[in-house]
């Protein structure tokens, strides 16, 4: 009975993908970060950094989309914005002081 209940519960859970699709502007954002930070942002030497998982576990890039009104006019147009959070690198290091 417990097995059947567990199987039914798992069948109703939504499927979780390993990583989100790469958005159109992410390659340009990576290029800007690499040019600005040089070797300080090596993205762990990966040719293509994955997108972060929806639940925030793991590493990778993230994109946040939102809209706002730049004026205090409640009837004014919304401005759509995308903010990129880029993974630059991780790992152990030794620091001698």
Protein backbone atom coordinates (compact mmCIF):
# COMPACT_ATOMS: atom_id res chain seq x y z
CA UNK A 1 0.00 0.00 0.00
CA UNK A 2 2.81 2.44 0.87
CA UNK A 3 4.51 1.70 -2.45
CA UNK A 4 1.32 2.42 -4.40
CA UNK A 5 0.82 5.71 -2.54
CA UNK A 6 4.43 6.75 -3.23
CA UNK A 7 4.09 5.83 -6.92
CA UNK A 8 0.90 7.86 -7.25
CA UNK A 9 2.47 10.83 -5.50
CA UNK A 10 5.53 10.75 -7.79
CA UNK A 11 3.32 10.49 -10.86
CA UNK A 12 1.52 13.71 -9.90
CA UNK A 13 4.66 15.77 -9.24
CA UNK A 14 5.67 18.20 -12.01
CA UNK A 15 8.66 17.26 -14.11
CA UNK A 16 11.77 19.24 -13.21
CA UNK A 17 14.22 20.08 -15.95
CA UNK A 18 17.92 20.11 -15.25
CA UNK A 19 18.44 23.67 -16.44
CA UNK A 20 16.47 26.44 -18.03
CA UNK A 21 16.77 27.37 -21.69
CA UNK A 22 19.54 29.83 -22.53
CA UNK A 23 17.99 33.23 -23.26
CA UNK A 24 18.93 35.22 -26.32
CA UNK A 25 21.01 37.91 -24.55
CA UNK A 26 23.09 35.64 -22.32
CA UNK A 27 26.00 35.29 -24.78
CA UNK A 28 26.32 39.08 -25.04
CA UNK A 29 26.21 39.42 -21.24
CA UNK A 30 28.97 36.78 -20.92
CA UNK A 31 31.13 38.65 -23.44
CA UNK A 32 30.75 41.92 -21.51
CA UNK A 33 31.61 40.24 -18.19
CA UNK A 34 34.67 38.50 -19.65
CA UNK A 35 35.89 41.75 -21.21
CA UNK A 36 35.31 43.73 -18.01
CA UNK A 37 36.71 41.24 -15.49
CA UNK A 38 39.26 39.29 -17.56
CA UNK A 39 40.68 36.30 -15.70
CA UNK A 40 38.75 37.25 -12.54
CA UNK A 41 35.65 35.90 -14.31
CA UNK A 42 36.73 32.72 -16.09
CA UNK A 43 33.35 30.92 -15.71
CA UNK A 44 35.35 27.85 -14.65
CA UNK A 45 36.69 27.52 -18.20
CA UNK A 46 33.37 26.15 -19.44
CA UNK A 47 32.56 26.86 -23.10
CA UNK A 48 28.88 27.20 -22.19
CA UNK A 49 27.83 27.86 -18.60
CA UNK A 50 24.44 26.26 -17.84
CA UNK A 51 21.45 28.24 -16.70
CA UNK A 52 20.71 27.90 -12.98
CA UNK A 53 17.99 25.50 -11.97
CA UNK A 54 14.60 27.04 -11.14
CA UNK A 55 14.89 26.18 -7.44
CA UNK A 56 18.25 27.96 -7.17
CA UNK A 57 20.35 24.88 -6.42
CA UNK A 58 23.59 24.35 -8.26
CA UNK A 59 25.47 26.98 -10.20
CA UNK A 60 24.88 28.81 -13.43
CA UNK A 61 23.55 32.00 -14.90
CA UNK A 62 20.16 33.43 -13.98
CA UNK A 63 17.90 35.93 -15.74
CA UNK A 64 15.30 38.00 -13.94
CA UNK A 65 12.61 39.84 -15.91
CA UNK A 66 10.47 42.57 -14.46
CA UNK A 67 8.70 45.77 -15.42
CA UNK A 68 8.46 49.15 -13.75
CA UNK A 69 7.15 52.65 -14.36
CA UNK A 70 9.99 55.17 -14.64
CA UNK A 71 7.66 58.09 -13.92
CA UNK A 72 5.24 58.63 -11.09
CA UNK A 73 2.41 58.52 -13.61
CA UNK A 74 0.27 55.46 -12.85
CA UNK A 75 -1.03 55.59 -16.42
CA UNK A 76 2.46 55.77 -17.95
CA UNK A 77 4.00 52.94 -19.96
CA UNK A 78 5.79 50.05 -18.29
CA UNK A 79 9.46 49.51 -19.04
CA UNK A 80 10.45 45.86 -19.45
CA UNK A 81 13.88 44.96 -18.03
CA UNK A 82 16.04 41.82 -17.93
CA UNK A 83 18.79 41.54 -15.32
CA UNK A 84 21.50 38.91 -15.81
CA UNK A 85 23.22 37.26 -12.87
CA UNK A 86 26.34 35.58 -14.23
CA UNK A 87 28.33 32.74 -12.73
CA UNK A 88 31.99 33.73 -12.89
CA UNK A 89 33.67 30.82 -11.19
CA UNK A 90 33.98 28.77 -8.06
CA UNK A 91 36.41 26.46 -6.38
CA UNK A 92 38.92 26.18 -3.62
CA UNK A 93 41.85 28.53 -3.36
CA UNK A 94 44.79 29.07 -1.09
CA UNK A 95 45.62 32.53 0.11
CA UNK A 96 48.83 33.40 1.79
CA UNK A 97 48.82 36.52 3.85
